[in-house]
Amino acid sequence: MIPHLRLLLSLPVSALALISPLAAQELALEMDPAQTKVDFTLGDVLHTVHGNFQLKRGAIRFDPSSGAASGDLSVDARSGNSGNGTRDRKMHKEILESERFPDIVFRPDHADGKLAPQGVSQMQVHGKFSIHGGDHELTAPVEVRVNSGQYEITARFAVPYQKWGMKNPSTLFLRVDDHVDITLHSVAHAANPQPSK
């Protein structure tokens, strides 16, 4: 009986040994710029300004076992458009200085929360947000909806542009918020997973 008992007890251990390398693999996601929207909202005393930017590229790697993340999301600062030419020229020349700082980049380094293989997951993603020549700590709530290998990613966060050294465009007759609300919605697909290091 004892040899058989030892055999039975060893089976779960053997199964875990086979599963653990798979669980340790990181997930590599490639975001589709054509299926990505980066919207911004800026409030003022008269009305709310809405606009958008274009994603240049997006690639993320995530290790579910440790929460470690890497990669980058790069947005073209020069693509910022609110539908008002005068306002947009002021935004690019005086606030973003987008010719001098053409890239807005988020580089994730850690994610908290469990990513479900199917359905909706809520996560907190931390990383460095680079804009206007400066790097800033940022944690963003992220919703991930997984369906048949497709990942719909939605993130919402605020950019305190004035605190981060950019000019506030308020005038004597127009007062705007000191932060811009950003909403990112993207569709990503899994690339071939690589073993975690």
C-alpha atoms as a PDB file:
ATOM      1  CA  MET A   1       0.000   0.000   0.000  1.00  0.00           C
ATOM      2  CA  ILE A   2       2.775   2.425   0.843  1.00  0.00           C
ATOM      3  CA  PRO A   3       4.393   2.361  -2.658  1.00  0.00           C
ATOM      4  CA  HIS A   4       0.969   2.934  -4.222  1.00  0.00           C
ATOM      5  CA  LEU A   5       0.274   5.748  -1.788  1.00  0.00           C
ATOM      6  CA  ARG A   6       3.573   7.378  -2.663  1.00  0.00           C
ATOM      7  CA  LEU A   7       2.715   7.099  -6.357  1.00  0.00           C
ATOM      8  CA  LEU A   8      -0.673   8.746  -5.823  1.00  0.00           C
ATOM      9  CA  LEU A   9       0.858  11.563  -3.795  1.00  0.00           C
ATOM     10  CA  SER A  10       3.511  12.168  -6.440  1.00  0.00           C
ATOM     11  CA  LEU A  11       0.973  12.646  -9.253  1.00  0.00           C
ATOM     12  CA  PRO A  12      -0.162  16.184  -8.240  1.00  0.00           C
ATOM     13  CA  VAL A  13       3.469  17.232  -7.811  1.00  0.00           C
ATOM     14  CA  SER A  14       4.298  15.925 -11.278  1.00  0.00           C
ATOM     15  CA  ALA A  15       1.314  17.727 -12.748  1.00  0.00           C
ATOM     16  CA  LEU A  16       2.395  21.001 -11.129  1.00  0.00           C
ATOM     17  CA  ALA A  17       5.885  20.550 -12.507  1.00  0.00           C
ATOM     18  CA  LEU A  18       4.415  20.321 -16.005  1.00  0.00           C
ATOM     19  CA  ILE A  19       2.029  23.257 -15.543  1.00  0.00           C
ATOM     20  CA  SER A  20       4.383  25.715 -13.813  1.00  0.00           C
ATOM     21  CA  PRO A  21       6.524  26.508 -16.892  1.00  0.00           C
ATOM     22  CA  LEU A  22       3.339  27.423 -18.764  1.00  0.00           C
ATOM     23  CA  ALA A  23       2.078  29.588 -15.919  1.00  0.00           C
ATOM     24  CA  ALA A  24       5.432  31.360 -15.756  1.00  0.00           C
ATOM     25  CA  GLN A  25       5.249  32.458 -19.387  1.00  0.00           C
ATOM     26  CA  GLU A  26       4.679  36.131 -19.951  1.00  0.00           C
ATOM     27  CA  LEU A  27       1.965  37.484 -22.184  1.00  0.00           C
ATOM     28  CA  ALA A  28       3.058  39.643 -25.104  1.00  0.00           C
ATOM     29  CA  LEU A  29       0.443  42.004 -26.530  1.00  0.00           C
ATOM     30  CA  GLU A  30       0.611  44.075 -29.689  1.00  0.00           C
ATOM     31  CA  MET A  31      -1.828  47.000 -29.847  1.00  0.00           C
ATOM     32  CA  ASP A  32      -3.407  47.931 -33.160  1.00  0.00           C
ATOM     33  CA  PRO A  33      -3.069  51.708 -33.812  1.00  0.00           C
ATOM     34  CA  ALA A  34      -5.987  51.528 -36.266  1.00  0.00           C
ATOM     35  CA  GLN A  35      -8.214  50.171 -33.481  1.00  0.00           C
ATOM     36  CA  THR A  36      -6.951  52.538 -30.783  1.00  0.00           C
ATOM     37  CA  LYS A  37      -8.537  55.775 -29.560  1.00  0.00           C
ATOM     38  CA  VAL A  38      -6.709  58.175 -27.258  1.00  0.00           C
ATOM     39  CA  ASP A  39      -9.247  60.806 -26.214  1.00  0.00           C
ATOM     40  CA  PHE A  40      -8.642  63.838 -24.006  1.00  0.00           C
ATOM     41  CA  THR A  41     -11.049  66.079 -22.109  1.00  0.00           C
ATOM     42  CA  LEU A  42     -10.239  69.511 -20.702  1.00  0.00           C
ATOM     43  CA  GLY A  43     -12.855  71.354 -18.679  1.00  0.00           C
ATOM     44  CA  ASP A  44     -13.299  75.116 -18.616  1.00  0.00           C
ATOM     45  CA  VAL A  45     -15.887  77.500 -17.184  1.00  0.00           C
ATOM     46  CA  LEU A  46     -17.833  77.788 -20.449  1.00  0.00           C
ATOM     47  CA  HIS A  47     -17.686  74.330 -21.973  1.00  0.00           C
ATOM     48  CA  THR A  48     -15.638  71.136 -22.084  1.00  0.00           C
ATOM     49  CA  VAL A  49     -13.004  70.660 -24.769  1.00  0.00           C
ATOM     50  CA  HIS A  50     -12.756  67.201 -26.338  1.00  0.00           C
ATOM     51  CA  GLY A  51     -10.013  65.937 -28.620  1.00  0.00           C
ATOM     52  CA  ASN A  52      -7.835  63.006 -29.505  1.00  0.00           C
ATOM     53  CA  PHE A  53      -4.326  61.807 -30.250  1.00  0.00           C
ATOM     54  CA  GLN A  54      -3.056  58.978 -32.446  1.00  0.00           C
ATOM     55  CA  LEU A  55      -1.198  55.946 -31.137  1.00  0.00           C
ATOM     56  CA  LYS A  56       2.084  55.337 -32.985  1.00  0.00           C
ATOM     57  CA  ARG A  57       2.805  51.917 -31.493  1.00  0.00           C
ATOM     58  CA  GLY A  58       1.969  49.819 -28.485  1.00  0.00           C
ATOM     59  CA  ALA A  59       3.629  46.637 -27.223  1.00  0.00           C
ATOM     60  CA  ILE A  60       3.274  45.274 -23.700  1.00  0.00           C
ATOM     61  CA  ARG A  61       4.711  42.253 -21.926  1.00  0.00           C
ATOM     62  CA  PHE A  62       3.131  41.038 -18.705  1.00  0.00           C
ATOM     63  CA  ASP A  63       4.178  38.251 -16.342  1.00  0.00           C
ATOM     64  CA  PRO A  64       1.008  37.002 -14.580  1.00  0.00           C
ATOM     65  CA  SER A  65       2.983  35.240 -11.855  1.00  0.00           C
ATOM     66  CA  SER A  66       4.941  38.288 -10.664  1.00  0.00           C
ATOM     67  CA  GLY A  67       2.999  41.244 -12.050  1.00  0.00           C
ATOM     68  CA  ALA A  68       6.123  42.524 -13.819  1.00  0.00           C
ATOM     69  CA  ALA A  69       5.408  44.479 -16.985  1.00  0.00           C
ATOM     70  CA  SER A  70       7.460  46.087 -19.737  1.00  0.00           C
ATOM     71  CA  GLY A  71       7.133  47.617 -23.181  1.00  0.00           C
ATOM     72  CA  ASP A  72       5.777  50.996 -24.218  1.00  0.00           C
ATOM     73  CA  LEU A  73       2.804  52.868 -25.622  1.00  0.00           C
ATOM     74  CA  SER A  74       3.863  55.761 -27.819  1.00  0.00           C
ATOM     75  CA  VAL A  75       1.484  58.554 -28.841  1.00  0.00           C
ATOM     76  CA  ASP A  76       2.240  61.188 -31.469  1.00  0.00           C
ATOM     77  CA  ALA A  77       2.016  64.516 -29.613  1.00  0.00           C
ATOM     78  CA  ARG A  78       1.792  66.338 -32.949  1.00  0.00           C
ATOM     79  CA  SER A  79      -1.458  64.519 -33.770  1.00  0.00           C
ATOM     80  CA  GLY A  80      -3.398  66.258 -30.981  1.00  0.00           C
ATOM     81  CA  ASN A  81      -6.633  67.612 -32.415  1.00  0.00           C
ATOM     82  CA  SER A  82      -9.606  69.284 -30.712  1.00  0.00           C
ATOM     83  CA  GLY A  83     -11.340  70.458 -33.884  1.00  0.00           C
ATOM     84  CA  ASN A  84     -10.402  74.119 -33.372  1.00  0.00           C
ATOM     85  CA  GLY A  85      -7.384  75.244 -35.387  1.00  0.00           C
ATOM     86  CA  THR A  86      -6.551  78.311 -33.278  1.00  0.00           C
ATOM     87  CA  ARG A  87      -6.801  76.371 -30.033  1.00  0.00           C
ATOM     88  CA  ASP A  88      -4.784  73.458 -31.398  1.00  0.00           C
ATOM     89  CA  ARG A  89      -1.972  75.699 -32.652  1.00  0.00           C
ATOM     90  CA  LYS A  90      -1.751  77.216 -29.173  1.00  0.00           C
ATOM     91  CA  MET A  91      -1.743  73.735 -27.608  1.00  0.00           C
ATOM     92  CA  HIS A  92       1.089  72.518 -29.822  1.00  0.00           C
ATOM     93  CA  LYS A  93       3.206  75.675 -29.734  1.00  0.00           C
ATOM     94  CA  GLU A  94       2.812  76.885 -26.151  1.00  0.00           C
ATOM     95  CA  ILE A  95       1.767  73.903 -24.032  1.00  0.00           C
ATOM     96  CA  LEU A  96       2.918  70.580 -25.491  1.00  0.00           C
ATOM     97  CA  GLU A  97       5.715  72.116 -27.607  1.00  0.00           C
ATOM     98  CA  SER A  98       5.069  69.081 -29.770  1.00  0.00           C
ATOM     99  CA  GLU A  99       7.699  69.854 -32.414  1.00  0.00           C
ATOM    100  CA  ARG A 100      10.329  69.795 -29.684  1.00  0.00           C
ATOM    101  CA  PHE A 101       8.764  66.880 -27.767  1.00  0.00           C
ATOM    102  CA  PRO A 102       6.972  64.797 -30.422  1.00  0.00           C
ATOM    103  CA  ASP A 103       6.451  61.638 -28.358  1.00  0.00           C
ATOM    104  CA  ILE A 104       4.214  60.956 -25.369  1.00  0.00           C
ATOM    105  CA  VAL A 105       5.203  57.562 -23.962  1.00  0.00           C
ATOM    106  CA  PHE A 106       3.960  55.296 -21.188  1.00  0.00           C
ATOM    107  CA  ARG A 107       6.314  52.524 -20.051  1.00  0.00           C
ATOM    108  CA  PRO A 108       4.613  50.067 -17.673  1.00  0.00           C
ATOM    109  CA  ASP A 109       6.699  48.289 -15.056  1.00  0.00           C
ATOM    110  CA  HIS A 110       4.137  46.552 -12.830  1.00  0.00           C
ATOM    111  CA  ALA A 111       0.486  45.519 -12.832  1.00  0.00           C
ATOM    112  CA  ASP A 112      -1.663  44.586  -9.845  1.00  0.00           C
ATOM    113  CA  GLY A 113      -4.681  42.349 -10.296  1.00  0.00           C
ATOM    114  CA  LYS A 114      -5.374  38.961 -11.804  1.00  0.00           C
ATOM    115  CA  LEU A 115      -5.815  38.743 -15.565  1.00  0.00           C
ATOM    116  CA  ALA A 116      -8.559  36.241 -16.363  1.00  0.00           C
ATOM    117  CA  PRO A 117      -8.105  34.065 -19.483  1.00  0.00           C
ATOM    118  CA  GLN A 118     -11.635  35.051 -20.576  1.00  0.00           C
ATOM    119  CA  GLY A 119     -14.020  37.831 -19.621  1.00  0.00           C
ATOM    120  CA  VAL A 120     -13.368  41.115 -17.822  1.00  0.00           C
ATOM    121  CA  SER A 121     -10.482  41.881 -15.451  1.00  0.00           C
ATOM    122  CA  GLN A 122      -9.786  45.037 -13.451  1.00  0.00           C
ATOM    123  CA  MET A 123      -6.128  45.929 -12.951  1.00  0.00           C
ATOM    124  CA  GLN A 124      -3.897  48.758 -11.738  1.00  0.00           C
ATOM    125  CA  VAL A 125      -0.932  49.423 -14.019  1.00  0.00           C
ATOM    126  CA  HIS A 126       2.057  51.414 -12.784  1.00  0.00           C
ATOM    127  CA  GLY A 127       4.827  52.903 -14.869  1.00  0.00           C
ATOM    128  CA  LYS A 128       6.604  55.996 -16.187  1.00  0.00           C
ATOM    129  CA  PHE A 129       4.703  58.555 -18.219  1.00  0.00           C
ATOM    130  CA  SER A 130       6.977  60.701 -20.399  1.00  0.00           C
ATOM    131  CA  ILE A 131       5.662  63.997 -21.731  1.00  0.00           C
ATOM    132  CA  HIS A 132       7.180  67.403 -22.540  1.00  0.00           C
ATOM    133  CA  GLY A 133      10.690  66.118 -21.754  1.00  0.00           C
ATOM    134  CA  GLY A 134       9.900  64.825 -18.252  1.00  0.00           C
ATOM    135  CA  ASP A 135       9.281  61.407 -16.696  1.00  0.00           C
ATOM    136  CA  HIS A 136       6.499  60.997 -14.141  1.00  0.00           C
ATOM    137  CA  GLU A 137       5.160  58.174 -11.995  1.00  0.00           C
ATOM    138  CA  LEU A 138       1.675  57.102 -13.023  1.00  0.00           C
ATOM    139  CA  THR A 139      -0.768  54.419 -11.919  1.00  0.00           C
ATOM    140  CA  ALA A 140      -3.809  53.888 -14.118  1.00  0.00           C
ATOM    141  CA  PRO A 141      -6.883  51.721 -13.609  1.00  0.00           C
ATOM    142  CA  VAL A 142      -7.165  49.393 -16.598  1.00  0.00           C
ATOM    143  CA  GLU A 143     -10.033  47.189 -17.695  1.00  0.00           C
ATOM    144  CA  VAL A 144      -9.116  44.222 -19.876  1.00  0.00           C
ATOM    145  CA  ARG A 145     -11.810  42.289 -21.738  1.00  0.00           C
ATOM    146  CA  VAL A 146     -10.542  38.996 -23.192  1.00  0.00           C
ATOM    147  CA  ASN A 147     -12.454  37.200 -25.918  1.00  0.00           C
ATOM    148  CA  SER A 148     -10.976  34.431 -28.090  1.00  0.00           C
ATOM    149  CA  GLY A 149      -7.428  35.757 -28.017  1.00  0.00           C
ATOM    150  CA  GLN A 150      -8.450  39.391 -28.514  1.00  0.00           C
ATOM    151  CA  TYR A 151      -7.817  41.895 -25.723  1.00  0.00           C
ATOM    152  CA  GLU A 152      -9.905  45.039 -25.419  1.00  0.00           C
ATOM    153  CA  ILE A 153      -8.041  47.460 -23.155  1.00  0.00           C
ATOM    154  CA  THR A 154      -9.567  50.566 -21.580  1.00  0.00           C
ATOM    155  CA  ALA A 155      -7.573  52.907 -19.332  1.00  0.00           C
ATOM    156  CA  ARG A 156      -8.592  56.199 -17.747  1.00  0.00           C
ATOM    157  CA  PHE A 157      -6.272  58.616 -15.954  1.00  0.00           C
ATOM    158  CA  ALA A 158      -5.539  62.293 -15.431  1.00  0.00           C
ATOM    159  CA  VAL A 159      -2.475  64.200 -16.613  1.00  0.00           C
ATOM    160  CA  PRO A 160      -1.738  67.133 -14.233  1.00  0.00           C
ATOM    161  CA  TYR A 161       0.001  69.067 -16.989  1.00  0.00           C
ATOM    162  CA  GLN A 162       0.510  72.240 -14.965  1.00  0.00           C
ATOM    163  CA  LYS A 163       2.068  70.337 -12.067  1.00  0.00           C
ATOM    164  CA  TRP A 164       4.309  68.595 -14.587  1.00  0.00           C
ATOM    165  CA  GLY A 165       5.731  71.869 -15.867  1.00  0.00           C
ATOM    166  CA  MET A 166       3.488  72.766 -18.783  1.00  0.00           C
ATOM    167  CA  LYS A 167       1.765  76.092 -19.249  1.00  0.00           C
ATOM    168  CA  ASN A 168      -1.852  76.567 -18.208  1.00  0.00           C
ATOM    169  CA  PRO A 169      -3.689  78.232 -21.120  1.00  0.00           C
ATOM    170  CA  SER A 170      -6.113  80.103 -18.849  1.00  0.00           C
ATOM    171  CA  THR A 171      -6.623  83.787 -19.610  1.00  0.00           C
ATOM    172  CA  LEU A 172      -8.422  86.633 -17.874  1.00  0.00           C
ATOM    173  CA  PHE A 173     -11.706  85.566 -19.461  1.00  0.00           C
ATOM    174  CA  LEU A 174     -11.182  81.822 -19.786  1.00  0.00           C
ATOM    175  CA  ARG A 175     -10.338  79.447 -16.952  1.00  0.00           C
ATOM    176  CA  VAL A 176      -9.486  75.827 -17.665  1.00  0.00           C
ATOM    177  CA  ASP A 177      -8.724  72.875 -15.401  1.00  0.00           C
ATOM    178  CA  ASP A 178      -5.105  72.243 -14.411  1.00  0.00           C
ATOM    179  CA  HIS A 179      -5.345  68.640 -15.577  1.00  0.00           C
ATOM    180  CA  VAL A 180      -6.453  66.758 -18.688  1.00  0.00           C
ATOM    181  CA  ASP A 181      -8.498  63.562 -18.470  1.00  0.00           C
ATOM    182  CA  ILE A 182      -7.314  60.807 -20.802  1.00  0.00           C
ATOM    183  CA  THR A 183      -9.247  57.750 -21.977  1.00  0.00           C
ATOM    184  CA  LEU A 184      -7.456  55.078 -23.982  1.00  0.00           C
ATOM    185  CA  HIS A 185      -9.336  52.285 -25.683  1.00  0.00           C
ATOM    186  CA  SER A 186      -7.414  49.756 -27.734  1.00  0.00           C
ATOM    187  CA  VAL A 187      -7.678  46.318 -29.268  1.00  0.00           C
ATOM    188  CA  ALA A 188      -4.606  44.134 -28.841  1.00  0.00           C
ATOM    189  CA  HIS A 189      -3.652  40.638 -29.904  1.00  0.00           C
ATOM    190  CA  ALA A 190      -1.314  38.196 -28.204  1.00  0.00           C
ATOM    191  CA  ALA A 191       2.032  37.613 -29.841  1.00  0.00           C
ATOM    192  CA  ASN A 192       3.939  34.387 -29.227  1.00  0.00           C
ATOM    193  CA  PRO A 193       4.490  34.198 -25.450  1.00  0.00           C
ATOM    194  CA  GLN A 194       8.074  34.069 -24.234  1.00  0.00           C
ATOM    195  CA  PRO A 195       9.327  32.396 -21.048  1.00  0.00           C
ATOM    196  CA  SER A 196       9.787  34.792 -18.162  1.00  0.00           C
ATOM    197  CA  LYS A 197      13.329  35.623 -17.145  1.00  0.00           C
END
